[in-house]
Amino acid sequence: MIARHTPHSQIPKKIKIITDTSDFFRVDYHDVLILDDHPYLIKNSLREGRFGIDEEPKYWVKKAVDLLNGNAKIIKLVFLEKFKSRVGGMVFNCMRSPKKEARILELVRGHPHFMHGFSARDDSGNIIRIIDFIHGKTIADVIHEIDSNHEEYFHNYFPALLDDYIELVRAIKFLHDHREKHGDIRRDHVILDNRVNRYRWIDFDFNYMHKESMFSYDLFGLGNLLVFLAGKGDVTLQHLKNINHPVYRHLTLDDVNLIFQNRVVDLKKIYPYIPESLNRVLLHFSASANIFYDNTAQLISDLMEAREEVFRPVKHANAMAAGFIERRAPTRDRHILIALDETENAKRALLYVADFLGGQPGLRATLLRIITDPLEDYFENDFERADWLEEQYRTADSMLKNYRNILVHSGFKKQKINIKIIMNYCSSTAECILEEQKNLRCCTIVIGRRVISRKEEFLFGSTSNKILHAPKNCAVWVIE
């Protein structure tokens, strides 16, 4: 079999059969990996191609040949890694998750805008991903190879690229609708498949502990990609300064990316022919933005409006109604929902209620603690996950009982104070709180607010801000 797919001079004299990949450094060139009785001839390790560091080998990712049919494959071995990632000064816990990538490969089977493949276990139970090799260039390489000035590019190439981009966003929406995130949206994770002339997302094994919003980091990546496409590459302050661009001295910090503050986002100031509706989408990712996209549906809605101007300029853009519903009359129920966690901000909110409402008649209160299950990807095994959840529950139960005593001492009747702990896989803590408010028909939500930077809100979301801006039929008290 090897001889059919290997030049005669390269046929190995000795063959090492691999069935256990636990030590991926031992899986070497011309070894044969057997997975589910299927042989794969291992070739070279792939190298990291981001930002030009092409010399960085990824020893757990191998090129391979399916010896049964000769097809090129990418074999991704298990590299369990937990690390802290820093983006724009924000630090968050990250991990490589073979289980997540295996789930998504199964989910997107046959989807035209994702890489395809499947998973199999080796003799030690390691989850190996066997990926169909995609022949093509990254979207960044495609853009860099377009030989034209920006105005020609924008009018002749960008409209088709915008349609491609919208389809890529819809593909990410498909993941989000199934409560999965890509996790690492970058320009080098989009490849133009030469066989079908279609862009496809690759690499799904990156995961992280999200905060308020499960999908904010994906949306951040989508925004960066859109600005890159609209600008025919990154438009940086340093470049504008070096070429003595007349607009440079008029730019402010409001015009740049909220996180990467060397990249210009307000591109209409540089290229005035960019339609206003498209520029408004770009500005959602700028340092001047006050409202960020909560989900891909909102982004797609705005992109479809911008598309009309990009293809056929119009004088008047239609106002968007996405994300807004008619407010209902507030309920008269005097049931207060106090959303709590272990922070001092939450404690201040509880003490405020005790001080302001203690002793008032006709009140009921529910003390709510939402424990977000961080998914199995964060744990090495089910036992570790169960221990973590049990510890979280004990801590929450003790805290809520203590807070209930504070309300009782302030004048609330004990029988009118409910304790509720929800252990749930929430893509958004705010949405879980609002759902509970709806189920309990509470007239008021009380929540503490932690002072965070706009960068942190952009990347991770803000529970209090999302509740404040969401359609609801109740009052919201935000205690600082």
Protein backbone atom coordinates (compact mmCIF):
# COMPACT_ATOMS: atom_id res chain seq x y z
CA MET A 1 0.00 0.00 0.00
CA ILE A 2 2.82 2.40 0.83
CA ALA A 3 4.44 1.79 -2.56
CA ARG A 4 1.26 2.92 -4.37
CA HIS A 5 1.39 6.34 -2.72
CA THR A 6 5.11 6.96 -2.21
CA PRO A 7 7.97 7.48 -4.69
CA HIS A 8 10.14 4.38 -4.94
CA SER A 9 13.19 6.15 -3.51
CA GLN A 10 11.22 7.17 -0.42
CA ILE A 11 9.70 3.83 0.51
CA PRO A 12 10.88 3.12 4.07
CA LYS A 13 12.93 -0.03 4.65
CA LYS A 14 11.37 -0.53 8.05
CA ILE A 15 7.85 0.35 9.06
CA LYS A 16 6.81 1.29 12.56
CA ILE A 17 3.15 0.67 13.33
CA ILE A 18 1.57 3.16 15.74
CA THR A 19 -1.64 2.38 17.63
CA ASP A 20 -1.04 4.55 20.73
CA THR A 21 -0.36 8.26 20.14
CA SER A 22 -0.14 9.35 23.79
CA ASP A 23 3.43 10.53 23.17
CA PHE A 24 2.94 12.39 19.91
CA PHE A 25 6.67 13.14 19.64
CA ARG A 26 7.16 9.44 18.89
CA VAL A 27 4.84 9.59 15.88
CA ASP A 28 7.34 10.30 13.16
CA TYR A 29 7.85 10.54 9.41
CA HIS A 30 6.80 7.38 7.50
CA ASP A 31 5.28 5.70 10.55
CA VAL A 32 1.92 4.02 9.88
CA LEU A 33 -0.87 5.01 12.23
CA ILE A 34 -3.71 2.50 12.58
CA LEU A 35 -7.08 3.88 13.68
CA ASP A 36 -10.16 1.64 13.58
CA ASP A 37 -8.23 -0.78 11.34
CA HIS A 38 -7.57 2.07 8.90
CA PRO A 39 -3.91 2.78 7.97
CA TYR A 40 -2.47 6.29 7.55
CA LEU A 41 1.08 7.01 6.43
CA ILE A 42 2.47 9.87 8.50
CA LYS A 43 4.30 12.64 6.69
CA ASN A 44 5.68 15.91 8.08
CA SER A 45 4.41 17.97 10.99
CA LEU A 46 2.53 21.13 10.04
CA ARG A 47 4.03 24.48 10.88
CA GLU A 48 2.42 27.52 12.39
CA GLY A 49 1.78 30.04 9.63
CA ARG A 50 0.35 32.94 11.59
CA PHE A 51 2.03 36.35 11.38
CA GLY A 52 4.87 34.88 9.35
CA ILE A 53 6.25 32.48 11.99
CA ASP A 54 6.43 29.64 9.49
CA GLU A 55 9.27 27.91 11.33
CA GLU A 56 7.18 26.92 14.36
CA PRO A 57 6.33 23.19 14.02
CA LYS A 58 3.14 21.79 15.53
CA TYR A 59 4.27 18.28 16.39
CA TRP A 60 0.77 17.13 17.27
CA VAL A 61 -0.56 17.98 13.79
CA LYS A 62 0.67 15.71 11.01
CA LYS A 63 0.25 15.56 7.26
CA ALA A 64 -0.73 12.02 6.26
CA VAL A 65 -1.87 9.83 3.40
CA ASP A 66 -4.86 7.52 3.65
CA LEU A 67 -3.28 4.29 2.46
CA LEU A 68 -6.61 2.84 1.33
CA ASN A 69 -7.39 5.55 -1.20
CA GLY A 70 -4.38 7.87 -1.37
CA ASN A 71 -6.26 10.95 -0.13
CA ALA A 72 -4.30 13.63 1.70
CA LYS A 73 -5.27 14.04 5.35
CA ILE A 74 -4.40 16.13 8.36
CA ILE A 75 -4.05 14.01 11.52
CA LYS A 76 -4.53 15.98 14.74
CA LEU A 77 -3.20 14.12 17.77
CA VAL A 78 -4.15 14.90 21.36
CA PHE A 79 -2.28 17.83 22.86
CA LEU A 80 -4.04 18.68 26.12
CA GLU A 81 -3.00 22.17 27.02
CA LYS A 82 -4.38 24.74 29.44
CA PHE A 83 -2.99 28.23 29.28
CA LYS A 84 -3.81 31.88 29.83
CA SER A 85 -4.25 34.01 26.75
CA ARG A 86 -3.86 37.78 26.71
CA VAL A 87 -5.76 39.95 24.22
CA GLY A 88 -5.62 43.70 24.59
CA GLY A 89 -4.62 43.41 28.24
CA MET A 90 -7.47 40.98 29.01
CA VAL A 91 -6.47 37.58 30.37
CA PHE A 92 -8.68 34.50 30.10
CA ASN A 93 -8.33 30.76 30.65
CA CYS A 94 -7.94 28.74 27.46
CA MET A 95 -7.50 25.11 26.50
CA ARG A 96 -7.11 22.83 23.52
CA SER A 97 -10.05 20.48 23.39
CA PRO A 98 -10.05 17.44 21.11
CA LYS A 99 -13.55 16.64 22.35
CA LYS A 100 -14.87 20.02 21.20
CA GLU A 101 -13.32 19.65 17.75
CA ALA A 102 -14.68 16.11 17.44
CA ARG A 103 -18.17 17.34 18.35
CA ILE A 104 -18.05 20.12 15.78
CA LEU A 105 -16.71 17.87 13.03
CA GLU A 106 -19.75 15.66 13.55
CA LEU A 107 -22.07 18.68 13.71
CA VAL A 108 -20.81 20.26 10.46
CA ARG A 109 -20.58 17.05 8.47
CA GLY A 110 -21.51 18.02 4.90
CA HIS A 111 -21.73 21.77 5.66
CA PRO A 112 -20.10 23.61 2.74
CA HIS A 113 -18.34 26.29 4.82
CA PHE A 114 -16.40 24.15 7.28
CA MET A 115 -13.51 21.75 7.05
CA HIS A 116 -14.64 18.13 7.09
CA GLY A 117 -13.40 15.07 8.89
CA PHE A 118 -14.16 12.69 11.71
CA SER A 119 -12.69 11.45 14.97
CA ALA A 120 -11.43 8.07 16.08
CA ARG A 121 -9.82 6.76 19.26
CA ASP A 122 -6.43 5.09 19.40
CA ASP A 123 -5.65 2.14 21.66
CA SER A 124 -5.30 4.41 24.70
CA GLY A 125 -8.58 6.22 24.06
CA ASN A 126 -7.03 9.43 22.71
CA ILE A 127 -9.42 11.33 20.43
CA ILE A 128 -7.68 11.66 17.05
CA ARG A 129 -9.17 13.91 14.36
CA ILE A 130 -8.74 12.90 10.73
CA ILE A 131 -9.27 15.98 8.56
CA ASP A 132 -9.71 16.19 4.79
CA PHE A 133 -6.87 18.30 3.42
CA ILE A 134 -8.12 21.53 1.82
CA HIS A 135 -6.13 22.67 -1.21
CA GLY A 136 -6.12 26.44 -1.23
CA LYS A 137 -4.93 29.73 0.25
CA THR A 138 -6.04 31.61 3.33
CA ILE A 139 -8.36 34.55 2.82
CA ALA A 140 -5.52 36.81 3.94
CA ASP A 141 -3.28 35.52 1.13
CA VAL A 142 -6.11 35.99 -1.38
CA ILE A 143 -6.50 39.65 -0.37
CA HIS A 144 -2.78 40.39 -0.36
CA GLU A 145 -2.41 39.00 -3.90
CA ILE A 146 -5.04 41.35 -5.39
CA ASP A 147 -3.01 43.85 -7.39
CA SER A 148 -5.04 47.05 -7.36
CA ASN A 149 -5.44 50.22 -5.37
CA HIS A 150 -8.09 50.31 -2.66
CA GLU A 151 -10.79 52.11 -4.65
CA GLU A 152 -10.55 49.63 -7.53
CA TYR A 153 -10.49 46.77 -5.04
CA PHE A 154 -13.51 48.05 -3.13
CA HIS A 155 -15.70 48.48 -6.22
CA ASN A 156 -14.51 45.47 -8.23
CA TYR A 157 -13.58 42.79 -5.68
CA PHE A 158 -15.10 43.65 -2.31
CA PRO A 159 -18.80 43.13 -3.24
CA ALA A 160 -18.20 39.44 -4.01
CA LEU A 161 -16.01 39.13 -0.92
CA LEU A 162 -18.77 40.65 1.20
CA ASP A 163 -21.18 37.95 -0.01
CA ASP A 164 -18.58 35.32 0.86
CA TYR A 165 -18.09 36.90 4.27
CA ILE A 166 -21.84 36.92 4.98
CA GLU A 167 -21.95 33.19 4.23
CA LEU A 168 -19.04 32.68 6.63
CA VAL A 169 -20.94 34.57 9.34
CA ARG A 170 -24.01 32.42 8.69
CA ALA A 171 -21.81 29.36 9.15
CA ILE A 172 -20.68 30.66 12.56
CA LYS A 173 -24.33 31.33 13.40
CA PHE A 174 -24.98 27.66 12.67
CA LEU A 175 -22.42 26.77 15.35
CA HIS A 176 -23.87 29.26 17.82
CA ASP A 177 -27.41 28.01 17.23
CA HIS A 178 -26.12 24.59 18.32
CA ARG A 179 -24.44 26.10 21.40
CA GLU A 180 -20.94 25.70 20.03
CA LYS A 181 -18.33 28.39 19.40
CA HIS A 182 -15.50 28.37 16.91
CA GLY A 183 -13.21 29.84 19.54
CA ASP A 184 -10.37 31.09 17.34
CA ILE A 185 -11.71 33.17 14.45
CA ARG A 186 -8.76 34.53 12.51
CA ARG A 187 -7.99 35.39 8.90
CA ASP A 188 -5.67 32.37 8.63
CA HIS A 189 -8.48 30.07 9.74
CA VAL A 190 -10.46 30.74 6.56
CA ILE A 191 -9.27 28.87 3.47
CA LEU A 192 -10.47 29.25 -0.11
CA ASP A 193 -11.06 25.67 -1.28
CA ASN A 194 -9.70 25.63 -4.84
CA ARG A 195 -11.81 22.64 -5.84
CA VAL A 196 -15.16 24.35 -5.27
CA ASN A 197 -14.08 28.03 -5.04
CA ARG A 198 -15.63 28.37 -1.59
CA TYR A 199 -14.30 29.73 1.70
CA ARG A 200 -14.25 27.30 4.64
CA TRP A 201 -13.55 27.61 8.36
CA ILE A 202 -10.82 25.42 9.84
CA ASP A 203 -9.51 24.50 13.33
CA PHE A 204 -12.13 24.11 16.07
CA ASP A 205 -10.07 22.77 18.99
CA PHE A 206 -9.48 26.08 20.77
CA ASN A 207 -11.80 26.72 23.71
CA TYR A 208 -11.93 29.16 26.61
CA MET A 209 -13.87 29.91 29.77
CA HIS A 210 -16.38 32.51 28.65
CA LYS A 211 -17.95 34.99 31.01
CA GLU A 212 -21.26 36.79 30.40
CA SER A 213 -21.41 36.08 26.70
CA MET A 214 -20.39 32.75 25.23
CA PHE A 215 -20.03 34.17 21.73
CA SER A 216 -18.44 37.63 22.23
CA TYR A 217 -14.95 36.47 21.31
CA ASP A 218 -16.23 34.88 18.09
CA LEU A 219 -17.99 38.16 17.25
CA PHE A 220 -14.78 40.04 17.98
CA GLY A 221 -12.96 37.79 15.50
CA LEU A 222 -15.67 38.28 12.88
CA GLY A 223 -15.37 42.04 13.29
CA ASN A 224 -11.61 41.94 12.83
CA LEU A 225 -12.03 39.89 9.67
CA LEU A 226 -14.62 42.30 8.23
CA VAL A 227 -12.40 45.34 8.88
CA PHE A 228 -9.50 43.49 7.23
CA LEU A 229 -11.59 42.75 4.13
CA ALA A 230 -13.05 46.25 3.87
CA GLY A 231 -9.61 47.84 4.25
CA LYS A 232 -7.82 45.45 1.86
CA GLY A 233 -5.66 44.51 4.81
CA ASP A 234 -4.98 46.17 8.14
CA VAL A 235 -4.93 49.96 7.99
CA THR A 236 -2.56 50.90 10.80
CA LEU A 237 -1.75 54.23 12.37
CA GLN A 238 1.95 53.60 11.80
CA HIS A 239 1.43 53.07 8.06
CA LEU A 240 -0.66 56.24 7.74
CA LYS A 241 2.01 58.18 9.60
CA ASN A 242 4.82 56.76 7.47
CA ILE A 243 3.11 57.75 4.21
CA ASN A 244 2.12 61.14 5.66
CA HIS A 245 -1.56 60.51 4.98
CA PRO A 246 -3.53 63.79 5.41
CA VAL A 247 -6.16 62.10 7.58
CA TYR A 248 -3.63 60.75 10.10
CA ARG A 249 -3.48 63.87 12.28
CA HIS A 250 -7.27 64.02 12.46
CA LEU A 251 -7.70 60.48 13.76
CA THR A 252 -8.45 59.90 17.43
CA LEU A 253 -8.60 56.86 19.68
CA ASP A 254 -12.32 56.63 18.89
CA ASP A 255 -11.41 55.67 15.32
CA VAL A 256 -9.35 52.58 16.12
CA ASN A 257 -10.05 49.01 17.16
CA LEU A 258 -11.15 48.76 20.77
CA ILE A 259 -8.60 46.01 21.46
CA PHE A 260 -5.86 46.45 18.83
CA GLN A 261 -5.48 50.19 19.04
CA ASN A 262 -3.00 50.46 16.19
CA ARG A 263 -5.65 49.38 13.64
CA VAL A 264 -8.03 51.94 12.15
CA VAL A 265 -11.69 50.86 12.13
CA ASP A 266 -13.39 54.07 10.97
CA LEU A 267 -12.34 53.35 7.39
CA LYS A 268 -14.69 55.90 5.86
CA LYS A 269 -12.33 58.61 7.08
CA ILE A 270 -9.59 57.03 4.96
CA TYR A 271 -11.78 55.86 2.06
CA PRO A 272 -14.79 58.22 1.78
CA TYR A 273 -16.50 56.06 -0.86
CA ILE A 274 -17.21 53.34 1.73
CA PRO A 275 -21.00 53.38 2.30
CA GLU A 276 -22.22 54.79 5.59
CA SER A 277 -24.20 51.64 6.39
CA LEU A 278 -21.08 49.46 6.08
CA ASN A 279 -19.01 51.87 8.13
CA ARG A 280 -21.62 51.74 10.90
CA VAL A 281 -21.08 47.99 11.09
CA LEU A 282 -17.33 48.53 11.34
CA LEU A 283 -17.76 51.08 14.12
CA HIS A 284 -19.39 48.45 16.35
CA PHE A 285 -15.82 47.17 16.78
CA SER A 286 -14.22 50.56 17.43
CA ALA A 287 -13.14 52.22 20.66
CA SER A 288 -16.06 54.65 20.27
CA ALA A 289 -18.73 51.92 20.29
CA ASN A 290 -21.26 52.05 23.11
CA ILE A 291 -23.30 49.04 21.99
CA PHE A 292 -21.77 45.81 20.78
CA TYR A 293 -23.29 42.96 18.80
CA ASP A 294 -24.83 40.32 21.08
CA ASN A 295 -25.16 37.65 18.41
CA THR A 296 -24.52 36.81 14.78
CA ALA A 297 -28.17 37.42 13.81
CA GLN A 298 -27.77 41.12 14.61
CA LEU A 299 -24.54 41.30 12.63
CA ILE A 300 -26.10 39.54 9.63
CA SER A 301 -29.07 41.94 9.67
CA ASP A 302 -26.80 44.96 9.52
CA LEU A 303 -24.61 43.34 6.87
CA MET A 304 -27.61 42.73 4.63
CA GLU A 305 -28.50 46.42 4.83
CA ALA A 306 -24.91 47.39 4.07
CA ARG A 307 -24.86 44.95 1.16
CA GLU A 308 -27.61 46.90 -0.59
CA GLU A 309 -25.42 50.01 -0.60
CA VAL A 310 -22.26 48.15 -1.55
CA PHE A 311 -23.96 46.61 -4.61
CA ARG A 312 -26.48 49.36 -5.34
CA PRO A 313 -25.90 52.65 -3.53
CA VAL A 314 -29.09 54.07 -2.02
CA LYS A 315 -29.91 57.45 -0.58
CA HIS A 316 -31.78 56.30 2.47
CA ALA A 317 -30.94 53.26 4.58
CA ASN A 318 -33.82 51.49 6.26
CA ALA A 319 -33.80 51.62 10.05
CA MET A 320 -33.05 48.26 11.63
CA ALA A 321 -35.46 46.70 14.05
CA ALA A 322 -33.44 43.54 14.78
CA GLY A 323 -33.18 42.68 18.43
CA PHE A 324 -36.05 44.88 19.59
CA ILE A 325 -39.57 43.83 20.52
CA GLU A 326 -42.50 45.75 21.79
CA ARG A 327 -42.42 46.27 25.54
CA ARG A 328 -45.26 44.82 27.49
CA ALA A 329 -46.92 46.55 30.39
CA PRO A 330 -44.95 45.94 33.61
CA THR A 331 -46.29 43.37 35.97
CA ARG A 332 -47.79 44.44 39.31
CA ASP A 333 -46.31 41.47 41.15
CA ARG A 334 -44.07 42.62 43.98
CA HIS A 335 -41.65 39.76 43.58
CA ILE A 336 -37.98 40.76 43.58
CA LEU A 337 -35.30 38.67 41.89
CA ILE A 338 -31.81 39.26 43.33
CA ALA A 339 -29.08 37.77 41.14
CA LEU A 340 -26.03 36.94 43.23
CA ASP A 341 -22.57 35.46 43.08
CA GLU A 342 -19.56 35.46 45.42
CA THR A 343 -18.35 38.96 44.54
CA GLU A 344 -18.44 42.06 46.72
CA ASN A 345 -20.57 43.78 44.08
CA ALA A 346 -23.31 41.20 44.54
CA LYS A 347 -23.09 41.52 48.31
CA ARG A 348 -23.56 45.30 48.04
CA ALA A 349 -26.69 44.71 45.95
CA LEU A 350 -28.11 42.38 48.61
CA LEU A 351 -27.32 44.83 51.42
CA TYR A 352 -28.96 47.64 49.46
CA VAL A 353 -32.19 45.64 49.18
CA ALA A 354 -32.04 44.83 52.90
CA ASP A 355 -31.52 48.48 53.83
CA PHE A 356 -34.01 49.97 51.35
CA LEU A 357 -36.85 47.44 51.44
CA GLY A 358 -36.43 45.64 54.77
CA GLY A 359 -39.70 45.71 56.71
CA GLN A 360 -41.83 46.78 53.75
CA PRO A 361 -45.08 44.75 53.47
CA GLY A 362 -46.17 42.71 50.45
CA LEU A 363 -42.72 41.73 49.20
CA ARG A 364 -41.27 38.40 48.19
CA ALA A 365 -37.67 37.80 47.16
CA THR A 366 -35.86 35.10 45.28
CA LEU A 367 -32.10 34.84 45.76
CA LEU A 368 -30.70 33.43 42.54
CA ARG A 369 -27.27 31.98 41.89
CA ILE A 370 -26.50 30.76 38.37
CA ILE A 371 -23.59 28.35 38.09
CA THR A 372 -22.50 28.13 34.49
CA ASP A 373 -21.34 24.65 33.60
CA PRO A 374 -18.09 25.23 31.66
CA LEU A 375 -18.62 22.10 29.57
CA GLU A 376 -16.65 18.88 29.63
CA ASP A 377 -13.83 20.42 27.60
CA TYR A 378 -12.40 22.14 30.67
CA PHE A 379 -11.98 18.91 32.66
CA GLU A 380 -9.74 15.92 32.13
CA ASN A 381 -12.54 13.51 33.07
CA ASP A 382 -16.13 13.32 34.31
CA PHE A 383 -15.04 12.85 37.92
CA GLU A 384 -13.13 16.13 37.92
CA ARG A 385 -16.15 17.89 36.43
CA ALA A 386 -18.53 16.38 39.03
CA ASP A 387 -16.23 17.44 41.90
CA TRP A 388 -16.07 20.98 40.51
CA LEU A 389 -19.85 21.26 40.21
CA GLU A 390 -20.39 19.84 43.68
CA GLU A 391 -17.98 22.37 45.21
CA GLN A 392 -19.66 25.22 43.32
CA TYR A 393 -23.07 24.11 44.59
CA ARG A 394 -21.91 23.89 48.24
CA THR A 395 -20.36 27.35 48.06
CA ALA A 396 -23.50 28.86 46.48
CA ASP A 397 -25.85 27.19 48.96
CA SER A 398 -23.87 28.48 51.94
CA MET A 399 -23.72 31.99 50.48
CA LEU A 400 -27.45 32.19 49.73
CA LYS A 401 -28.44 30.94 53.19
CA ASN A 402 -26.24 33.59 54.73
CA TYR A 403 -27.81 36.27 52.54
CA ARG A 404 -31.28 35.02 53.39
CA ASN A 405 -30.48 35.56 57.08
CA ILE A 406 -29.43 39.14 56.32
CA LEU A 407 -32.80 39.82 54.67
CA VAL A 408 -34.68 38.22 57.55
CA HIS A 409 -32.85 40.44 60.05
CA SER A 410 -33.76 43.47 57.92
CA GLY A 411 -37.50 42.70 58.17
CA PHE A 412 -38.28 40.30 55.30
CA LYS A 413 -40.42 37.32 56.26
CA LYS A 414 -38.38 34.11 56.04
CA GLN A 415 -41.21 32.19 54.37
CA LYS A 416 -41.23 34.79 51.58
CA ILE A 417 -37.56 34.38 50.72
CA ASN A 418 -36.75 31.67 48.19
CA ILE A 419 -33.31 30.32 47.42
CA LYS A 420 -32.65 29.06 43.92
CA ILE A 421 -29.46 27.61 42.45
CA ILE A 422 -29.43 26.92 38.73
CA MET A 423 -26.65 24.77 37.35
CA ASN A 424 -26.93 25.31 33.65
CA TYR A 425 -24.93 25.57 30.46
CA CYS A 426 -25.64 29.24 29.78
CA SER A 427 -24.36 30.94 26.66
CA SER A 428 -25.28 34.15 28.49
CA THR A 429 -25.75 34.62 32.24
CA ALA A 430 -27.97 37.62 31.56
CA GLU A 431 -30.31 35.55 29.38
CA CYS A 432 -30.58 32.92 32.13
CA ILE A 433 -31.46 35.64 34.67
CA LEU A 434 -34.06 37.14 32.34
CA GLU A 435 -35.55 33.71 31.66
CA GLU A 436 -35.89 33.12 35.40
CA GLN A 437 -37.47 36.55 35.85
CA LYS A 438 -40.01 35.66 33.19
CA ASN A 439 -40.78 32.27 34.75
CA LEU A 440 -41.20 33.74 38.26
CA ARG A 441 -43.01 36.88 37.00
CA CYS A 442 -40.76 39.12 39.08
CA CYS A 443 -41.37 42.83 38.87
CA THR A 444 -37.78 43.81 39.68
CA ILE A 445 -34.33 42.42 39.01
CA VAL A 446 -31.55 43.50 41.37
CA ILE A 447 -27.94 42.94 40.33
CA GLY A 448 -24.55 44.25 41.36
CA ARG A 449 -22.26 45.76 38.80
CA ARG A 450 -18.54 45.18 38.73
CA VAL A 451 -16.56 48.02 37.21
CA ILE A 452 -14.93 46.64 34.07
CA SER A 453 -13.16 48.23 31.16
CA ARG A 454 -14.87 48.62 27.80
CA LYS A 455 -12.31 46.18 26.40
CA GLU A 456 -13.38 43.53 28.91
CA GLU A 457 -17.05 44.19 28.16
CA PHE A 458 -16.35 43.87 24.43
CA LEU A 459 -14.53 40.54 24.76
CA PHE A 460 -16.43 38.91 27.60
CA GLY A 461 -19.71 40.82 27.89
CA SER A 462 -21.35 42.54 30.84
CA THR A 463 -24.26 40.84 32.60
CA SER A 464 -25.63 44.05 34.08
CA ASN A 465 -25.41 46.01 30.79
CA LYS A 466 -27.03 43.21 28.81
CA ILE A 467 -29.94 43.05 31.26
CA LEU A 468 -30.30 46.83 31.15
CA HIS A 469 -30.54 46.88 27.35
CA ALA A 470 -32.62 43.75 26.86
CA PRO A 471 -36.38 43.91 26.23
CA LYS A 472 -38.13 43.04 29.49
CA ASN A 473 -41.28 43.65 31.49
CA CYS A 474 -39.70 44.56 34.80
CA ALA A 475 -37.59 47.16 36.54
CA VAL A 476 -33.85 46.66 36.88
CA TRP A 477 -31.79 47.93 39.79
CA VAL A 478 -28.07 47.95 39.13
CA ILE A 479 -26.11 48.55 42.33
CA GLU A 480 -22.53 49.74 42.11
